[in-house]
Amino acid sequence: MRPVPVGAKGTFTLRVTPAHLASQFKDAVLPPVFATPMMVTIMENAALNAVRDYLEPGESVVGTVVNIRHLAATPAGHTVTAEAVVTKVDGRRLEFDVTARDEVEEIGKGTHERMVVDIARIAKKLAAKPPKA
């Protein structure tokens, strides 16, 4: 990994469809609103985009900590944009402030941590785990 500067930013945008709603994949009785796990996903993607240009071939980053507050509901049809800003670099450990907004308001915020990993090393570890019957 090349040095990642504090302040590096990334974004990720998603148009909310019925597949992204809490009522579709968590509990059908929930209102048709953008699901928290989907918000976390776009925040993680924004964090990846913030550091993607600093990764060497064969490297990626994986999420290790998520501390998020979902602040407002968003219905299908709206566009949600997440932004991640690098706040700390400690070797392979990267910390981010993350936010998400729809066209009207901030819908989520929090912090996120990712670790730089060697993809081949992870694949080797996974291959060493016995298959589950």
N, C-alpha and C. Protein backbone atom coordinates (compact mmCIF):
# COMPACT_ATOMS: atom_id res chain seq x y z
N MET A 1 0.84 -1.18 0.00
CA MET A 1 0.00 0.00 0.00
C MET A 1 0.89 1.24 0.00
N ARG A 2 0.52 2.14 -0.88
CA ARG A 2 1.18 3.44 -0.84
C ARG A 2 0.59 4.25 0.31
N PRO A 3 1.30 5.27 0.80
CA PRO A 3 0.78 6.06 1.91
C PRO A 3 -0.60 6.67 1.60
N VAL A 4 -1.53 6.49 2.52
CA VAL A 4 -2.88 7.04 2.38
C VAL A 4 -2.94 8.31 3.20
N PRO A 5 -3.28 9.44 2.58
CA PRO A 5 -3.33 10.69 3.34
C PRO A 5 -4.61 10.81 4.16
N VAL A 6 -4.48 11.31 5.38
CA VAL A 6 -5.66 11.68 6.15
C VAL A 6 -6.39 12.74 5.33
N GLY A 7 -7.69 12.61 5.24
CA GLY A 7 -8.49 13.54 4.44
C GLY A 7 -8.89 12.98 3.09
N ALA A 8 -8.30 11.85 2.66
CA ALA A 8 -8.70 11.23 1.40
C ALA A 8 -10.20 10.91 1.47
N LYS A 9 -10.93 11.20 0.37
CA LYS A 9 -12.37 11.03 0.35
C LYS A 9 -12.80 10.09 -0.75
N GLY A 10 -13.90 9.41 -0.50
CA GLY A 10 -14.54 8.58 -1.51
C GLY A 10 -16.04 8.66 -1.35
N THR A 11 -16.75 8.40 -2.45
CA THR A 11 -18.21 8.40 -2.42
C THR A 11 -18.74 7.15 -3.10
N PHE A 12 -19.99 6.86 -2.85
CA PHE A 12 -20.70 5.78 -3.52
C PHE A 12 -22.17 6.17 -3.55
N THR A 13 -22.78 6.06 -4.72
CA THR A 13 -24.18 6.46 -4.90
C THR A 13 -25.02 5.28 -5.33
N LEU A 14 -26.24 5.21 -4.80
CA LEU A 14 -27.16 4.12 -5.10
C LEU A 14 -28.57 4.67 -5.23
N ARG A 15 -29.27 4.26 -6.28
CA ARG A 15 -30.70 4.57 -6.40
C ARG A 15 -31.45 3.46 -5.66
N VAL A 16 -32.26 3.85 -4.70
CA VAL A 16 -32.97 2.89 -3.85
C VAL A 16 -34.08 2.21 -4.64
N THR A 17 -34.00 0.89 -4.69
CA THR A 17 -35.03 0.07 -5.35
C THR A 17 -35.72 -0.78 -4.29
N PRO A 18 -36.81 -1.46 -4.66
CA PRO A 18 -37.48 -2.32 -3.68
C PRO A 18 -36.56 -3.37 -3.05
N ALA A 19 -35.55 -3.82 -3.77
CA ALA A 19 -34.63 -4.82 -3.21
C ALA A 19 -33.80 -4.27 -2.06
N HIS A 20 -33.70 -2.95 -1.92
CA HIS A 20 -32.90 -2.31 -0.88
C HIS A 20 -33.72 -1.97 0.37
N LEU A 21 -35.00 -2.31 0.38
CA LEU A 21 -35.89 -1.92 1.47
C LEU A 21 -35.89 -2.94 2.59
N ALA A 22 -35.99 -2.44 3.80
CA ALA A 22 -36.04 -3.32 4.98
C ALA A 22 -37.20 -4.31 4.89
N SER A 23 -38.31 -3.88 4.31
CA SER A 23 -39.48 -4.75 4.20
C SER A 23 -39.27 -5.90 3.22
N GLN A 24 -38.27 -5.83 2.38
CA GLN A 24 -38.02 -6.87 1.39
C GLN A 24 -37.12 -7.98 1.89
N PHE A 25 -36.15 -7.66 2.73
CA PHE A 25 -35.23 -8.73 3.12
C PHE A 25 -35.05 -8.88 4.62
N LYS A 26 -35.79 -8.15 5.42
CA LYS A 26 -35.72 -8.33 6.87
C LYS A 26 -37.05 -8.78 7.43
N ASP A 27 -38.07 -7.94 7.29
CA ASP A 27 -39.38 -8.25 7.88
C ASP A 27 -40.43 -7.56 7.03
N ALA A 28 -41.34 -8.31 6.46
CA ALA A 28 -42.35 -7.77 5.55
C ALA A 28 -43.26 -6.74 6.21
N VAL A 29 -43.36 -6.73 7.54
CA VAL A 29 -44.24 -5.76 8.20
C VAL A 29 -43.57 -4.39 8.38
N LEU A 30 -42.28 -4.31 8.11
CA LEU A 30 -41.59 -3.02 8.23
C LEU A 30 -42.06 -2.08 7.13
N PRO A 31 -41.99 -0.77 7.38
CA PRO A 31 -42.36 0.17 6.32
C PRO A 31 -41.37 0.06 5.16
N PRO A 32 -41.77 0.47 3.97
CA PRO A 32 -40.89 0.36 2.80
C PRO A 32 -39.82 1.45 2.78
N VAL A 33 -38.81 1.27 3.62
CA VAL A 33 -37.74 2.25 3.75
C VAL A 33 -36.38 1.60 3.51
N PHE A 34 -35.42 2.40 3.10
CA PHE A 34 -34.04 1.98 2.86
C PHE A 34 -33.52 1.28 4.11
N ALA A 35 -33.00 0.08 3.95
CA ALA A 35 -32.56 -0.75 5.07
C ALA A 35 -31.19 -0.32 5.59
N THR A 36 -31.03 -0.39 6.89
CA THR A 36 -29.76 -0.04 7.52
C THR A 36 -28.59 -0.86 6.96
N PRO A 37 -28.73 -2.17 6.78
CA PRO A 37 -27.59 -2.91 6.21
C PRO A 37 -27.17 -2.42 4.82
N MET A 38 -28.14 -1.93 4.05
CA MET A 38 -27.80 -1.38 2.73
C MET A 38 -27.05 -0.05 2.88
N MET A 39 -27.42 0.74 3.89
CA MET A 39 -26.71 1.99 4.14
C MET A 39 -25.27 1.70 4.54
N VAL A 40 -25.09 0.69 5.38
CA VAL A 40 -23.74 0.30 5.78
C VAL A 40 -22.95 -0.14 4.54
N THR A 41 -23.59 -0.87 3.64
CA THR A 41 -22.91 -1.32 2.42
C THR A 41 -22.41 -0.15 1.59
N ILE A 42 -23.24 0.87 1.40
CA ILE A 42 -22.78 1.99 0.57
C ILE A 42 -21.70 2.79 1.29
N MET A 43 -21.76 2.85 2.62
CA MET A 43 -20.70 3.52 3.37
C MET A 43 -19.38 2.77 3.23
N GLU A 44 -19.45 1.44 3.30
CA GLU A 44 -18.24 0.63 3.11
C GLU A 44 -17.68 0.81 1.71
N ASN A 45 -18.56 0.87 0.71
CA ASN A 45 -18.09 1.09 -0.66
C ASN A 45 -17.46 2.47 -0.82
N ALA A 46 -18.00 3.48 -0.15
CA ALA A 46 -17.39 4.81 -0.19
C ALA A 46 -16.00 4.79 0.42
N ALA A 47 -15.84 4.04 1.52
CA ALA A 47 -14.52 3.93 2.17
C ALA A 47 -13.53 3.24 1.24
N LEU A 48 -13.96 2.17 0.59
CA LEU A 48 -13.09 1.52 -0.39
C LEU A 48 -12.69 2.51 -1.48
N ASN A 49 -13.64 3.27 -1.98
CA ASN A 49 -13.34 4.23 -3.04
C ASN A 49 -12.38 5.33 -2.57
N ALA A 50 -12.39 5.63 -1.28
CA ALA A 50 -11.49 6.66 -0.74
C ALA A 50 -10.03 6.22 -0.82
N VAL A 51 -9.78 4.91 -0.75
CA VAL A 51 -8.39 4.43 -0.68
C VAL A 51 -7.99 3.55 -1.86
N ARG A 52 -8.90 3.28 -2.75
CA ARG A 52 -8.64 2.37 -3.87
C ARG A 52 -7.37 2.73 -4.65
N ASP A 53 -7.15 4.00 -4.89
CA ASP A 53 -5.99 4.43 -5.69
C ASP A 53 -4.66 4.26 -4.96
N TYR A 54 -4.69 3.97 -3.67
CA TYR A 54 -3.46 3.80 -2.89
C TYR A 54 -3.09 2.33 -2.71
N LEU A 55 -3.95 1.44 -3.14
CA LEU A 55 -3.70 0.01 -2.98
C LEU A 55 -2.78 -0.50 -4.09
N GLU A 56 -1.93 -1.44 -3.72
CA GLU A 56 -1.05 -2.09 -4.69
C GLU A 56 -1.81 -3.23 -5.34
N PRO A 57 -1.35 -3.70 -6.50
CA PRO A 57 -1.99 -4.87 -7.10
C PRO A 57 -1.98 -6.04 -6.11
N GLY A 58 -3.09 -6.74 -6.02
CA GLY A 58 -3.20 -7.87 -5.09
C GLY A 58 -3.65 -7.48 -3.70
N GLU A 59 -3.89 -6.20 -3.46
CA GLU A 59 -4.37 -5.73 -2.16
C GLU A 59 -5.83 -5.29 -2.27
N SER A 60 -6.50 -5.34 -1.15
CA SER A 60 -7.82 -4.74 -1.01
C SER A 60 -7.98 -4.33 0.44
N VAL A 61 -9.15 -3.84 0.80
CA VAL A 61 -9.44 -3.49 2.18
C VAL A 61 -10.73 -4.18 2.60
N VAL A 62 -10.73 -4.69 3.83
CA VAL A 62 -11.93 -5.34 4.36
C VAL A 62 -12.40 -4.60 5.60
N GLY A 63 -13.70 -4.59 5.79
CA GLY A 63 -14.27 -3.93 6.95
C GLY A 63 -14.03 -4.72 8.22
N THR A 64 -13.70 -4.01 9.30
CA THR A 64 -13.46 -4.66 10.58
C THR A 64 -14.31 -4.06 11.71
N VAL A 65 -14.71 -2.80 11.58
CA VAL A 65 -15.54 -2.15 12.60
C VAL A 65 -16.52 -1.22 11.89
N VAL A 66 -17.78 -1.27 12.35
CA VAL A 66 -18.81 -0.36 11.85
C VAL A 66 -19.55 0.19 13.06
N ASN A 67 -19.64 1.51 13.16
CA ASN A 67 -20.38 2.17 14.23
C ASN A 67 -21.22 3.26 13.56
N ILE A 68 -22.46 2.91 13.25
CA ILE A 68 -23.31 3.74 12.40
C ILE A 68 -24.63 4.05 13.11
N ARG A 69 -25.13 5.26 12.87
CA ARG A 69 -26.48 5.63 13.31
C ARG A 69 -27.32 5.89 12.06
N HIS A 70 -28.48 5.27 11.98
CA HIS A 70 -29.42 5.52 10.88
C HIS A 70 -30.39 6.59 11.38
N LEU A 71 -30.36 7.77 10.76
CA LEU A 71 -31.03 8.95 11.30
C LEU A 71 -32.37 9.29 10.66
N ALA A 72 -32.58 8.88 9.41
CA ALA A 72 -33.81 9.26 8.71
C ALA A 72 -34.16 8.21 7.67
N ALA A 73 -35.44 8.09 7.39
CA ALA A 73 -35.94 7.10 6.44
C ALA A 73 -35.88 7.63 5.01
N THR A 74 -35.63 6.70 4.08
CA THR A 74 -35.61 7.02 2.65
C THR A 74 -36.44 5.99 1.91
N PRO A 75 -37.42 6.43 1.11
CA PRO A 75 -38.23 5.48 0.35
C PRO A 75 -37.56 5.10 -0.98
N ALA A 76 -38.10 4.07 -1.62
CA ALA A 76 -37.63 3.66 -2.94
C ALA A 76 -37.78 4.82 -3.92
N GLY A 77 -36.88 4.83 -4.90
CA GLY A 77 -36.90 5.88 -5.92
C GLY A 77 -35.94 7.00 -5.65
N HIS A 78 -35.54 7.17 -4.41
CA HIS A 78 -34.59 8.22 -4.07
C HIS A 78 -33.16 7.74 -4.32
N THR A 79 -32.26 8.69 -4.41
CA THR A 79 -30.84 8.39 -4.57
C THR A 79 -30.14 8.69 -3.26
N VAL A 80 -29.31 7.75 -2.84
CA VAL A 80 -28.56 7.91 -1.59
C VAL A 80 -27.08 7.93 -1.94
N THR A 81 -26.36 8.89 -1.36
CA THR A 81 -24.92 9.01 -1.57
C THR A 81 -24.21 8.93 -0.23
N ALA A 82 -23.24 8.04 -0.16
CA ALA A 82 -22.40 7.92 1.03
C ALA A 82 -21.06 8.57 0.74
N GLU A 83 -20.47 9.17 1.77
CA GLU A 83 -19.13 9.74 1.67
C GLU A 83 -18.30 9.20 2.84
N ALA A 84 -17.06 8.87 2.54
CA ALA A 84 -16.12 8.41 3.57
C ALA A 84 -14.88 9.28 3.51
N VAL A 85 -14.38 9.67 4.67
CA VAL A 85 -13.18 10.50 4.78
C VAL A 85 -12.20 9.78 5.71
N VAL A 86 -10.98 9.58 5.24
CA VAL A 86 -9.96 8.95 6.07
C VAL A 86 -9.61 9.89 7.22
N THR A 87 -9.70 9.38 8.46
CA THR A 87 -9.38 10.20 9.63
C THR A 87 -8.11 9.74 10.34
N LYS A 88 -7.71 8.48 10.10
CA LYS A 88 -6.51 7.96 10.77
C LYS A 88 -5.96 6.80 9.97
N VAL A 89 -4.63 6.75 9.89
CA VAL A 89 -3.94 5.63 9.26
C VAL A 89 -2.94 5.10 10.28
N ASP A 90 -3.07 3.81 10.61
CA ASP A 90 -2.18 3.16 11.57
C ASP A 90 -1.69 1.87 10.94
N GLY A 91 -0.62 1.97 10.15
CA GLY A 91 -0.15 0.81 9.41
C GLY A 91 -1.18 0.39 8.39
N ARG A 92 -1.67 -0.85 8.52
CA ARG A 92 -2.68 -1.36 7.60
C ARG A 92 -4.11 -1.01 8.03
N ARG A 93 -4.26 -0.45 9.22
CA ARG A 93 -5.59 -0.10 9.75
C ARG A 93 -5.96 1.32 9.36
N LEU A 94 -7.14 1.46 8.74
CA LEU A 94 -7.61 2.76 8.26
C LEU A 94 -8.93 3.09 8.94
N GLU A 95 -9.05 4.32 9.45
CA GLU A 95 -10.29 4.76 10.08
C GLU A 95 -10.93 5.84 9.22
N PHE A 96 -12.28 5.85 9.22
CA PHE A 96 -13.05 6.76 8.38
C PHE A 96 -14.20 7.37 9.17
N ASP A 97 -14.54 8.62 8.85
CA ASP A 97 -15.85 9.17 9.19
C ASP A 97 -16.72 8.91 7.97
N VAL A 98 -17.94 8.43 8.18
CA VAL A 98 -18.83 8.12 7.08
C VAL A 98 -20.17 8.80 7.28
N THR A 99 -20.76 9.24 6.17
CA THR A 99 -22.09 9.85 6.18
C THR A 99 -22.87 9.32 4.98
N ALA A 100 -24.18 9.42 5.08
CA ALA A 100 -25.05 9.10 3.94
C ALA A 100 -26.17 10.14 3.90
N ARG A 101 -26.52 10.52 2.66
CA ARG A 101 -27.56 11.52 2.44
C ARG A 101 -28.47 11.06 1.32
N ASP A 102 -29.75 11.41 1.42
CA ASP A 102 -30.61 11.31 0.25
C ASP A 102 -30.76 12.73 -0.29
N GLU A 103 -31.68 12.96 -1.19
CA GLU A 103 -31.82 14.29 -1.79
C GLU A 103 -32.32 15.34 -0.80
N VAL A 104 -32.84 14.90 0.35
CA VAL A 104 -33.47 15.81 1.29
C VAL A 104 -32.60 16.10 2.52
N GLU A 105 -31.95 15.05 3.05
CA GLU A 105 -31.29 15.22 4.35
C GLU A 105 -30.22 14.16 4.58
N GLU A 106 -29.45 14.38 5.64
CA GLU A 106 -28.51 13.37 6.09
C GLU A 106 -29.32 12.23 6.69
N ILE A 107 -29.02 11.00 6.25
CA ILE A 107 -29.79 9.85 6.74
C ILE A 107 -28.97 8.94 7.64
N GLY A 108 -27.64 9.13 7.66
CA GLY A 108 -26.81 8.30 8.51
C GLY A 108 -25.43 8.86 8.68
N LYS A 109 -24.79 8.48 9.79
CA LYS A 109 -23.41 8.90 10.01
C LYS A 109 -22.78 7.98 11.03
N GLY A 110 -21.46 8.01 11.05
CA GLY A 110 -20.75 7.20 12.02
C GLY A 110 -19.29 7.06 11.66
N THR A 111 -18.70 5.98 12.16
CA THR A 111 -17.29 5.70 11.90
C THR A 111 -17.16 4.29 11.37
N HIS A 112 -16.05 4.06 10.68
CA HIS A 112 -15.83 2.77 10.04
C HIS A 112 -14.32 2.51 10.04
N GLU A 113 -13.96 1.25 10.16
CA GLU A 113 -12.55 0.85 10.12
C GLU A 113 -12.38 -0.25 9.08
N ARG A 114 -11.29 -0.17 8.33
CA ARG A 114 -10.96 -1.19 7.34
C ARG A 114 -9.48 -1.54 7.49
N MET A 115 -9.16 -2.78 7.10
CA MET A 115 -7.77 -3.25 7.11
C MET A 115 -7.33 -3.57 5.69
N VAL A 116 -6.11 -3.17 5.37
CA VAL A 116 -5.53 -3.54 4.09
C VAL A 116 -5.12 -5.00 4.17
N VAL A 117 -5.52 -5.78 3.17
CA VAL A 117 -5.22 -7.20 3.16
C VAL A 117 -4.60 -7.61 1.83
N ASP A 118 -3.85 -8.70 1.90
CA ASP A 118 -3.30 -9.33 0.70
C ASP A 118 -4.31 -10.38 0.26
N ILE A 119 -4.86 -10.22 -0.93
CA ILE A 119 -5.93 -11.10 -1.39
C ILE A 119 -5.47 -12.55 -1.48
N ALA A 120 -4.26 -12.80 -1.97
CA ALA A 120 -3.76 -14.17 -2.09
C ALA A 120 -3.62 -14.81 -0.71
N ARG A 121 -3.17 -14.05 0.27
CA ARG A 121 -3.02 -14.58 1.63
C ARG A 121 -4.37 -14.98 2.21
N ILE A 122 -5.38 -14.15 1.98
CA ILE A 122 -6.74 -14.47 2.47
C ILE A 122 -7.26 -15.73 1.76
N ALA A 123 -7.04 -15.82 0.45
CA ALA A 123 -7.50 -17.00 -0.29
C ALA A 123 -6.84 -18.27 0.25
N LYS A 124 -5.57 -18.17 0.60
CA LYS A 124 -4.85 -19.33 1.14
C LYS A 124 -5.45 -19.74 2.50
N LYS A 125 -5.76 -18.76 3.35
CA LYS A 125 -6.37 -19.05 4.65
C LYS A 125 -7.74 -19.69 4.48
N LEU A 126 -8.52 -19.18 3.53
CA LEU A 126 -9.85 -19.74 3.29
C LEU A 126 -9.76 -21.16 2.79
N ALA A 127 -8.80 -21.43 1.91
CA ALA A 127 -8.64 -22.78 1.37
C ALA A 127 -8.24 -23.77 2.45
N ALA A 128 -7.59 -23.29 3.50
CA ALA A 128 -7.12 -24.17 4.58
C ALA A 128 -8.26 -24.54 5.55
N LYS A 129 -9.37 -23.82 5.50
CA LYS A 129 -10.48 -24.16 6.39
C LYS A 129 -11.21 -25.38 5.84
N PRO A 130 -11.54 -26.31 6.70
CA PRO A 130 -12.24 -27.50 6.23
C PRO A 130 -13.63 -27.13 5.73
N PRO A 131 -14.08 -27.78 4.67
CA PRO A 131 -15.44 -27.50 4.18
C PRO A 131 -16.47 -27.94 5.20
N LYS A 132 -17.55 -27.21 5.26
CA LYS A 132 -18.63 -27.54 6.18
C LYS A 132 -19.55 -28.54 5.48
N ALA A 133 -19.92 -29.58 6.21
CA ALA A 133 -20.75 -30.65 5.63
C ALA A 133 -22.17 -30.18 5.44
